[in-house]
Amino acid sequence: MKRSEAREQAFKLLYSLQLIEDKDIEEQLNLFLEENNIVDNDAIEYIKDIIVGTNKNNSEIEKIISENIKSDWDITRISKIDLTLLKLGIYEIVYSKLPYKVVINEVVELAKKYGDDKSKAFVNGALAGVVKKGI
């Protein structure tokens, strides 16, 4: 499984976890991998890292998001899809230290596919703000 495909799977799981209140991350992860027939060990480790890392650093990631959106916006106004994409992108840029150009490009592609008409520009702008601040 290619990295971009694994990233998309991680996005899907992250998104579904946003909608579940009482969640056992490990259980949800295992169910997702099984239901989607993901058996590639590299992909599994990559997805697991994103899910566990994003969950562990959620408060700090949300703070970074809040600092990189317009001052008259509140994080609660962001669609769940865009919020999930931002969390994914910020986790990979800030915590996984992946090349920001690759991450932003791939997350923007996911925004085009899953978001609304404004998602692409919104996600791109917020992630570019994170990079400019050198977080």
Foldseek 3Di string as FASTA:
>chain_A
DDPLVLLVLLLVLLLVVVVDDDDDLVVSLVVSCVVVVPDPPVSSVVSVCLSVQLVVCVVVLLVLLCVQADVVDDPVPDDSSLNSLSSSLCCCVPPVVDPNVVSLVSSLVVCVVPNDPCSSVRSNRSSVSCVVVVD
